[in-house]
Protein backbone atom coordinates (compact mmCIF):
# COMPACT_ATOMS: atom_id res chain seq x y z
CA MET A 1 -2.03 27.91 10.09
CA ASN A 2 -4.19 24.54 9.95
CA VAL A 3 -5.17 22.73 6.56
CA PHE A 4 -8.45 24.32 6.18
CA THR A 5 -6.96 27.60 6.34
CA LEU A 6 -4.14 26.72 4.09
CA LEU A 7 -6.72 25.66 1.38
CA ALA A 8 -8.36 28.72 1.67
CA SER A 9 -5.18 30.77 1.53
CA LEU A 10 -3.92 29.04 -1.54
CA LEU A 11 -7.05 29.69 -3.52
CA LEU A 12 -6.81 33.62 -2.67
CA LEU A 13 -3.12 33.19 -3.77
CA SER A 14 -4.05 31.97 -7.45
CA PRO A 15 -7.61 32.93 -7.84
CA LEU A 16 -7.47 31.94 -11.86
CA THR A 17 -6.48 28.66 -11.07
CA GLY A 18 -9.98 27.15 -9.78
CA TRP A 19 -9.50 24.76 -7.06
CA ALA A 20 -6.92 23.10 -4.79
CA SER A 21 -6.17 19.46 -4.71
CA PRO A 22 -6.96 17.27 -1.69
CA PRO A 23 -3.89 17.70 0.73
CA LEU A 24 -1.24 14.80 0.57
CA TYR A 25 0.02 13.93 3.52
CA TYR A 26 3.54 12.19 3.91
CA SER A 27 5.87 11.42 7.04
CA TYR A 28 9.48 12.11 6.80
CA GLN A 29 12.74 11.52 8.64
CA SER A 30 15.13 14.53 9.45
CA GLU A 31 18.26 15.40 10.95
CA SER A 32 15.90 16.59 13.91
CA GLY A 33 13.65 13.74 14.09
CA GLY A 34 10.77 12.85 12.02
CA GLY A 35 7.42 14.55 11.24
CA ILE A 36 4.41 14.92 8.82
CA GLY A 37 4.09 17.36 5.91
CA VAL A 38 1.30 18.60 3.97
CA LEU A 39 1.22 18.97 0.07
CA ILE A 40 -1.65 21.27 -1.58
CA CYS A 41 -1.76 21.88 -5.24
CA ALA A 42 -3.36 25.02 -7.09
CA LEU A 43 -5.16 23.15 -10.10
CA PRO A 44 -5.88 22.92 -12.96
CA GLU A 45 -2.66 24.29 -13.93
CA GLY A 46 -0.60 22.58 -11.15
CA ARG A 47 1.88 25.20 -10.69
CA ASP A 48 1.47 26.70 -7.14
CA VAL A 49 2.16 24.23 -4.41
CA GLU A 50 1.65 25.15 -0.64
CA HIS A 51 3.84 23.27 1.36
CA ARG A 52 3.88 22.84 5.22
CA GLN A 53 4.89 20.98 8.44
CA LEU A 54 1.87 19.67 10.46
CA TRP A 55 3.93 18.39 13.45
CA GLU A 56 7.81 17.50 14.19
CA GLN A 57 9.39 15.96 17.08
CA SER A 58 12.80 14.90 17.91
CA GLY A 59 13.64 11.27 18.29
CA MET A 60 10.57 10.31 15.61
CA GLU A 61 13.32 8.82 13.29
CA ASP A 62 11.34 5.71 13.26
CA ILE A 63 7.84 7.15 11.79
CA LYS A 64 6.70 4.88 8.97
CA LYS A 65 3.46 4.34 7.84
CA VAL A 66 0.60 7.27 7.53
CA ALA A 67 -2.65 7.34 7.51
CA VAL A 68 -5.39 10.37 7.31
CA SER A 69 -9.38 10.31 8.47
CA GLU A 70 -12.16 10.72 5.96
CA ASP A 71 -12.85 14.13 7.44
CA GLY A 72 -9.19 15.18 7.37
CA ASN A 73 -9.08 16.12 11.00
CA HIS A 74 -6.65 13.40 12.09
CA VAL A 75 -3.66 12.06 10.75
CA ALA A 76 -1.72 8.98 12.33
CA ALA A 77 1.58 7.57 12.12
CA ASN A 78 3.20 4.09 13.28
CA LEU A 79 6.81 3.97 14.82
CA GLU A 80 8.71 1.06 13.25
CA GLY A 81 10.69 -0.80 15.72
CA VAL A 82 8.90 0.72 18.88
CA GLU A 83 7.50 -1.97 21.41
CA ASP A 84 5.13 -1.48 23.93
CA ARG A 85 5.28 2.08 24.68
CA ASN A 86 4.25 5.42 22.38
CA ASN A 87 4.56 3.54 19.26
CA LEU A 88 1.58 5.27 17.38
CA VAL A 89 1.13 8.98 17.17
CA VAL A 90 -2.17 10.71 16.11
CA VAL A 91 -2.24 14.26 15.23
CA ASP A 92 -4.78 16.76 14.75
CA LYS A 93 -5.37 19.53 12.00
CA GLN A 94 -4.04 21.74 14.18
CA GLY A 95 -0.63 20.07 14.74
CA ASN A 96 -1.04 18.63 18.09
CA ALA A 97 0.13 15.26 18.67
CA ARG A 98 -1.27 12.48 21.17
CA PHE A 99 1.04 9.06 21.63
CA HIS A 100 -0.52 6.07 22.06
CA SER A 101 0.82 2.32 23.25
CA PHE A 102 -0.16 -0.98 21.98
CA LYS A 103 1.40 -4.29 22.68
CA ASP A 104 4.94 -5.33 20.78
CA GLU A 105 4.68 -2.99 17.60
CA VAL A 106 2.64 -1.32 15.30
CA ASP A 107 2.57 -2.28 11.71
CA HIS A 108 -0.24 -1.75 9.58
CA ILE A 109 -2.85 1.02 9.83
CA ALA A 110 -5.87 2.41 8.21
CA PHE A 111 -8.60 4.54 8.58
CA ARG A 112 -12.27 3.04 7.49
CA GLY A 113 -14.24 6.62 7.74
CA ASN A 114 -12.90 8.36 10.79
CA LEU A 115 -11.85 5.41 12.96
CA LEU A 116 -8.32 4.08 12.91
CA TYR A 117 -7.47 0.19 12.38
CA ILE A 118 -4.30 -0.68 14.13
CA ALA A 119 -2.37 -3.94 13.81
CA THR A 120 0.22 -4.90 15.75
CA THR A 121 2.95 -7.53 15.80
CA ALA A 122 1.25 -9.26 18.76
CA GLY A 123 -1.39 -10.59 16.59
CA GLU A 124 -3.99 -8.24 17.22
CA ILE A 125 -6.18 -5.41 15.22
CA HIS A 126 -7.42 -2.43 17.40
CA ARG A 127 -10.09 0.01 16.30
CA MET A 128 -9.58 3.55 17.98
CA ASN A 129 -11.60 6.69 17.95
CA PRO A 130 -8.85 9.37 17.30
CA ALA A 131 -10.67 12.12 18.89
CA ASP A 132 -10.61 10.36 22.20
CA GLY A 133 -8.03 7.97 21.97
CA ARG A 134 -10.47 5.17 23.00
CA VAL A 135 -10.45 1.43 21.64
CA ASP A 136 -13.97 0.19 21.26
CA ILE A 137 -12.98 -3.37 20.06
CA THR A 138 -9.60 -5.63 19.69
CA TRP A 139 -9.37 -8.72 17.93
CA ASP A 140 -6.90 -11.13 19.35
CA PHE A 141 -5.99 -13.58 16.53
CA ARG A 142 -3.77 -15.52 18.50
CA LYS A 143 -6.81 -16.41 20.69
CA GLN A 144 -9.73 -16.20 18.34
CA LEU A 145 -8.37 -18.32 15.27
CA GLU A 146 -7.74 -22.27 15.58
CA PRO A 147 -4.38 -22.48 14.87
CA SER A 148 -3.33 -19.47 16.30
CA GLY A 149 -2.94 -16.55 13.89
CA ARG A 150 0.59 -15.13 13.98
CA ARG A 151 0.19 -11.40 12.92
CA PRO A 152 -1.95 -9.05 10.07
CA GLU A 153 -0.39 -8.28 7.41
CA SER A 154 -2.56 -5.95 4.98
CA PHE A 155 -6.22 -4.91 4.93
CA PHE A 156 -8.80 -4.41 2.40
CA PHE A 157 -12.28 -2.98 3.44
CA ASP A 158 -14.81 -4.47 1.41
CA GLU A 159 -17.58 -1.58 1.56
CA THR A 160 -19.98 -3.57 -0.59
CA ASN A 161 -20.60 -6.36 1.94
CA ARG A 162 -18.76 -4.30 4.92
CA VAL A 163 -16.26 -6.97 5.59
CA LEU A 164 -12.70 -5.99 6.92
CA TRP A 165 -10.41 -8.60 4.89
CA VAL A 166 -7.06 -9.23 6.27
CA SER A 167 -3.99 -11.13 4.84
CA PHE A 168 -1.73 -13.15 7.38
CA GLN A 169 1.74 -13.71 5.68
CA LYS A 170 4.28 -15.65 7.51
CA ASP A 171 4.14 -18.07 10.23
CA SER A 172 6.30 -17.66 13.41
CA LYS A 173 9.74 -19.32 13.51
CA LYS A 174 8.24 -22.26 15.54
CA ARG A 175 5.17 -22.44 13.44
CA LYS A 176 3.37 -21.79 17.00
CA HIS A 177 1.27 -19.16 15.34
CA LEU A 178 0.01 -19.48 11.63
CA GLY A 179 0.21 -17.40 8.52
CA SER A 180 -0.95 -18.05 4.96
CA ARG A 181 -4.70 -17.50 5.36
CA ILE A 182 -7.38 -14.76 4.79
CA VAL A 183 -9.42 -13.54 7.59
CA GLY A 184 -12.64 -11.66 7.18
CA ILE A 185 -14.56 -9.56 9.83
CA ASP A 186 -17.98 -8.44 9.54
CA LEU A 187 -17.90 -4.63 10.47
CA GLN A 188 -21.60 -4.96 11.43
CA SER A 189 -21.43 -7.46 14.15
CA ASP A 190 -17.43 -7.24 14.28
CA THR A 191 -17.35 -10.63 14.05
CA ILE A 192 -14.97 -13.22 12.54
CA ILE A 193 -16.95 -14.88 10.01
CA ALA A 194 -14.14 -16.37 7.78
CA ASP A 195 -10.57 -17.93 8.27
CA LEU A 196 -9.33 -19.03 5.17
CA GLN A 197 -6.35 -21.34 5.53
CA LEU A 198 -4.50 -21.22 1.86
CA PRO A 199 -3.27 -24.35 0.59
CA ARG A 200 0.24 -25.04 1.24
CA ASP A 201 0.38 -27.42 -2.02
CA LYS A 202 4.01 -26.35 -3.49
CA PRO A 203 6.44 -27.59 -0.11
CA GLU A 204 9.48 -27.37 -2.98
CA LEU A 205 9.10 -23.71 -2.52
CA HIS A 206 9.10 -23.71 1.48
CA TYR A 207 11.86 -22.88 3.54
CA ALA A 208 12.91 -26.05 5.90
CA PRO A 209 12.02 -24.89 9.60
CA GLU A 210 16.19 -24.96 10.42
CA VAL A 211 16.52 -22.46 7.89
CA ASP A 212 13.61 -20.15 8.22
CA GLY A 213 10.24 -21.33 9.86
CA ARG A 214 8.11 -18.53 8.76
CA GLU A 215 8.46 -19.22 5.07
CA SER A 216 6.49 -22.90 4.76
CA GLY A 217 3.37 -21.36 2.86
CA PRO A 218 2.01 -19.32 0.05
CA ASN A 219 2.44 -16.22 2.34
CA PRO A 220 -0.44 -14.02 1.09
CA GLU A 221 -0.13 -10.17 1.34
CA VAL A 222 -2.03 -7.53 -1.25
CA LEU A 223 -5.63 -8.10 -1.20
CA PHE A 224 -8.56 -6.98 -3.31
CA VAL A 225 -11.95 -7.00 -3.76
CA ASP A 226 -13.99 -7.15 -6.96
CA ALA A 227 -17.99 -7.68 -6.09
CA GLU A 228 -18.96 -7.61 -9.63
CA SER A 229 -16.79 -10.66 -10.71
CA ASN A 230 -17.35 -12.10 -7.48
CA THR A 231 -13.70 -12.29 -7.00
CA LEU A 232 -11.41 -12.30 -4.00
CA PHE A 233 -7.99 -11.70 -5.08
CA VAL A 234 -4.46 -11.93 -3.24
CA THR A 235 -1.21 -11.91 -3.94
CA LEU A 236 1.45 -14.79 -2.75
CA ASP A 237 5.13 -13.87 -1.71
CA LEU A 238 6.42 -16.96 -1.29
CA TYR A 239 4.75 -18.68 -4.35
CA GLY A 240 5.54 -15.86 -6.53
CA ALA A 241 1.85 -15.81 -7.92
CA VAL A 242 -1.53 -14.45 -7.39
CA ALA A 243 -4.41 -16.58 -6.27
CA MET A 244 -8.45 -15.74 -7.03
CA MET A 245 -10.93 -17.67 -5.43
CA ASP A 246 -15.10 -17.14 -5.48
CA LEU A 247 -15.89 -14.03 -2.74
CA ASP A 248 -19.40 -15.33 -1.97
CA ALA A 249 -18.06 -18.49 -0.59
CA ALA A 250 -15.44 -16.53 1.10
CA LEU A 251 -18.07 -14.38 3.04
CA LYS A 252 -19.18 -17.90 4.63
CA GLY A 253 -15.93 -18.76 5.64
CA ARG A 254 -15.34 -21.50 2.71
CA LEU A 255 -12.67 -21.85 -0.25
CA ARG A 256 -14.06 -22.58 -3.72
CA THR A 257 -12.78 -22.08 -6.89
CA TYR A 258 -9.30 -21.51 -5.85
CA SER A 259 -6.60 -21.02 -8.69
CA VAL A 260 -3.01 -19.83 -8.50
CA HIS A 261 -1.23 -17.99 -11.11
CA SER A 262 2.46 -17.32 -11.62
CA THR A 263 3.55 -13.60 -12.06
CA ALA A 264 7.05 -14.35 -13.33
CA LEU A 265 7.53 -13.33 -16.74
CA ASP A 266 8.68 -16.90 -17.65
CA GLY A 267 5.90 -18.37 -15.45
CA SER A 268 7.93 -20.36 -13.27
CA TRP A 269 7.22 -20.48 -9.30
CA GLY A 270 8.89 -18.95 -6.15
CA SER A 271 11.09 -16.09 -7.90
CA ALA A 272 8.62 -13.49 -8.72
CA PHE A 273 7.55 -11.95 -4.94
CA PRO A 274 4.94 -9.73 -6.69
CA ASP A 275 3.95 -7.08 -3.86
CA ARG A 276 2.37 -3.93 -5.48
CA VAL A 277 -0.69 -3.92 -7.45
CA GLY A 278 -2.87 -1.44 -9.01
CA ALA A 279 -6.38 -1.45 -10.09
CA PHE A 280 -7.75 0.04 -13.45
CA THR A 281 -10.76 -0.17 -15.63
CA HIS A 282 -10.66 -1.55 -19.31
CA ASP A 283 -13.82 -2.61 -21.81
CA GLY A 284 -16.18 -1.52 -18.29
CA ARG A 285 -14.24 -3.91 -16.25
CA THR A 286 -11.75 -4.37 -13.48
CA LEU A 287 -8.23 -5.27 -14.14
CA LEU A 288 -5.36 -5.58 -12.01
CA LEU A 289 -1.72 -4.31 -12.84
CA VAL A 290 0.71 -6.85 -10.40
CA ALA A 291 4.48 -5.79 -10.47
CA ASN A 292 7.13 -7.98 -9.25
CA ALA A 293 9.98 -7.34 -6.52
CA SER A 294 12.57 -9.64 -8.04
CA ASP A 295 15.67 -9.16 -10.04
CA PRO A 296 14.19 -10.53 -13.17
CA GLY A 297 11.49 -7.92 -12.55
CA GLY A 298 7.92 -7.87 -14.76
CA ALA A 299 4.34 -7.02 -14.18
CA VAL A 300 1.46 -8.78 -15.19
CA VAL A 301 -2.43 -7.93 -16.28
CA ALA A 302 -4.71 -10.39 -14.01
CA ASP A 303 -8.49 -10.35 -15.12
CA LEU A 304 -10.65 -10.89 -12.14
CA GLN A 305 -13.89 -12.15 -14.63
CA ALA A 306 -11.45 -14.50 -16.51
CA ARG A 307 -9.58 -15.34 -13.42
CA SER A 308 -6.36 -15.67 -15.55
CA ILE A 309 -3.28 -13.65 -16.55
CA VAL A 310 -3.83 -12.04 -19.67
CA GLN A 311 -0.81 -10.04 -20.40
CA ARG A 312 2.81 -10.08 -19.10
CA LEU A 313 5.02 -6.96 -18.98
CA PRO A 314 8.77 -6.72 -18.85
CA VAL A 315 9.76 -3.84 -16.38
CA PRO A 316 12.48 -3.36 -13.54
CA GLY A 317 11.61 -5.19 -10.34
CA GLY A 318 10.72 -2.86 -7.58
CA LEU A 319 8.02 -0.57 -8.58
CA THR A 320 6.28 1.36 -5.94
CA THR A 321 2.77 1.51 -5.52
CA LEU A 322 0.69 1.83 -8.75
CA HIS A 323 -1.94 4.53 -9.24
CA GLU A 324 -4.83 4.98 -11.85
CA ILE A 325 -4.78 8.45 -13.33
CA PRO A 326 -8.09 8.31 -14.98
CA ARG A 327 -7.69 11.86 -16.58
CA ALA A 328 -4.41 11.05 -17.86
CA GLY A 329 -5.58 7.59 -18.93
CA ARG A 330 -2.74 5.44 -17.38
CA LEU A 331 -1.39 4.00 -14.61
CA VAL A 332 2.02 5.57 -13.14
CA SER A 333 4.66 4.35 -10.43
CA GLY A 334 8.19 5.00 -9.44
CA VAL A 335 11.09 2.49 -9.03
CA PRO A 336 12.57 2.67 -5.43
CA GLY A 337 13.82 -0.94 -6.46
CA LYS A 338 12.99 -3.26 -3.41
CA ILE A 339 14.36 -6.73 -5.01
CA LYS A 340 14.06 -9.79 -2.76
CA ALA A 341 15.44 -13.24 -3.81
CA ARG A 342 16.29 -16.56 -2.41
CA GLY A 343 19.20 -17.32 -0.27
CA PRO A 344 20.74 -20.33 1.53
CA ASP A 345 19.61 -18.64 4.77
CA GLY A 346 16.24 -17.56 3.75
CA LEU A 347 15.02 -14.52 1.55
CA GLN A 348 17.23 -11.55 0.98
CA LYS A 349 16.03 -8.13 0.30
CA ASP A 350 17.86 -5.22 -1.30
CA PHE A 351 17.26 -1.74 -3.01
CA HIS A 352 18.63 -0.80 -6.46
CA PRO A 353 16.54 2.40 -6.98
CA ARG A 354 16.17 3.85 -10.32
CA SER A 355 16.34 7.29 -11.94
CA THR A 356 12.84 6.96 -14.13
CA TRP A 357 9.19 6.23 -13.38
CA TYR A 358 7.03 4.36 -15.50
CA GLN A 359 3.48 4.54 -17.23
CA PHE A 360 1.46 1.90 -18.16
CA GLN A 361 -0.77 3.36 -21.33
CA PRO A 362 -3.43 1.96 -23.36
CA GLY A 363 -1.65 -1.16 -25.44
CA GLU A 364 -1.73 -1.09 -29.19
CA GLY A 365 -2.21 -4.34 -31.19
CA GLY A 366 -4.71 -6.34 -29.13
CA GLU A 367 -2.41 -5.70 -25.83
CA ILE A 368 -4.23 -4.15 -22.80
CA LEU A 369 -1.13 -1.93 -21.69
CA LYS A 370 2.34 -0.91 -23.10
CA SER A 371 4.86 0.41 -20.28
CA VAL A 372 6.59 3.74 -20.83
CA GLU A 373 9.87 4.37 -18.79
CA ILE A 374 10.69 7.95 -18.56
CA PRO A 375 14.27 9.19 -17.17
CA LYS A 376 14.43 11.63 -14.52
CA GLY A 377 18.00 11.93 -13.77
CA ALA A 378 17.44 11.25 -10.16
CA PRO A 379 16.04 8.23 -8.01
CA VAL A 380 12.10 8.44 -8.48
CA HIS A 381 11.10 6.85 -4.90
CA ARG A 382 7.37 7.11 -5.32
CA VAL A 383 4.24 9.01 -7.46
CA ALA A 384 0.72 9.91 -6.18
CA ALA A 385 -1.93 11.42 -7.90
CA VAL A 386 -2.72 15.47 -7.22
CA GLY A 387 -6.27 15.70 -7.47
CA LYS A 388 -7.58 11.84 -7.84
CA ALA A 389 -9.90 11.65 -10.51
CA ALA A 390 -10.17 15.73 -11.03
CA SER A 391 -6.64 15.90 -12.70
CA PRO A 392 -4.02 14.01 -14.64
CA LEU A 393 -1.18 15.74 -12.72
CA VAL A 394 1.08 13.52 -10.38
CA TYR A 395 3.28 14.00 -7.60
CA LEU A 396 6.89 12.62 -8.11
CA ASN A 397 9.03 12.28 -4.87
CA LEU A 398 12.75 11.80 -5.94
CA GLY A 399 16.38 12.61 -5.17
CA GLU A 400 18.96 10.45 -3.87
CA GLN A 401 17.65 11.22 -0.03
CA ALA A 402 13.73 11.17 -1.55
CA ASP A 403 13.44 14.47 -0.40
CA GLU A 404 12.03 16.62 -3.26
CA TRP A 405 8.83 17.10 -4.86
CA GLN A 406 7.79 17.66 -8.50
CA VAL A 407 4.59 18.15 -9.93
CA ILE A 408 4.22 16.70 -13.50
CA HIS A 409 1.87 15.89 -16.09
CA PRO A 410 2.47 12.73 -17.32
CA ALA A 411 2.60 13.98 -21.22
CA GLU A 412 5.30 16.31 -20.62
CA SER A 413 8.95 16.12 -19.42
CA ARG A 414 9.36 19.49 -17.45
CA PRO A 415 7.75 19.72 -13.63
CA ARG A 416 5.45 22.29 -13.56
CA ALA A 417 6.30 22.81 -9.86
CA GLN A 418 9.07 22.19 -7.84
CA VAL A 419 9.17 21.98 -3.79
CA LYS A 420 11.84 20.52 -1.20
CA ALA A 421 10.71 17.99 1.25
CA LEU A 422 10.78 18.41 4.89
CA GLY A 423 13.28 15.39 5.01
CA LYS A 424 13.57 11.88 3.56
CA VAL A 425 9.98 10.89 2.29
CA VAL A 426 8.77 7.82 3.87
CA ARG A 427 5.18 7.47 3.19
CA THR A 428 2.39 9.04 1.68
CA SER A 429 -1.56 9.13 2.17
CA ARG A 430 -4.72 11.15 1.58
């Protein structure tokens, strides 16, 4: 049964519910290997969930990130730690898999429309048509940037300007290939139009070369573009901060009106490690909720129009991806508890999952948001919207092994539906 047959059968099984949610795809690891699962929820009530395996294969325990094409015909996943051969799999809607090989490791993957963008640890981005597996262009940042670029970290597709923005986080150990930059690629001409090398103006936060030469700059990570406020935004991992700059200048390859703001609760530098960003609207403008991956934790609200931090919220460190649920009027997140800290030999990372999930609701008394912690009795690893803007319902992925799904309304305590995952859930996409 393919996904489209599954959608039709769900509506036949639940004729009074009205419609089916968009499929949510997830990668998972199991005793028999790894694979990709699919969840489809009957809306608006959310009490019936169709759940199936799209594909599974033995030896795929390294499956990690997952991405789905706009038409739903192809789902891609990378295999973490696998170098040079069969490190990307693309599965069609019938569950047929095709493996592809790229130099070094495949890291970040994302679809724009029905074309797949593939970033590798070799410092390259490839664009592939998943229907035939052909790569029509490769950007080699080791050769095309000066100084040489290390490796792409994350993407942001700026559809207003038709530009792919790419962050480069860390340097190579001997600083032969450099990070701490943002690259812009014009997707109409496929040319590099910007190489924004960010200021390394807090050397007291850098690690010495003999300790960890990779950590010697602000280390940009998560990107966001807001054309209305003319802002290019990025988190700065090592500086414990966010940066904002003029978008129109960035499109011309220039760094202008560049400002840096600490995301720590106490305003200190270099200890917050912001790495999760959720956009939401407030009084008709776009704001960003930024969560820290540190033991003190905390989250901040960044106002892109004002180019400032306008609120700091005391929440645990290590929240997962932040999703806006417009129909529920709030943002939601789980707490898998990834915690980063500075150590004598470099940055350290640990996990302390919490048996709660968080909602960020409209604030009171002049505050933009208020945080609400909701206990669940088991670790909540991730939260995802069920129906995007069409439904207030969310999926919770929880359990000691991240192997359970629940459908829940944010204003209710009891789940409307529960299903067992096909294994340990790793990532999700729709």
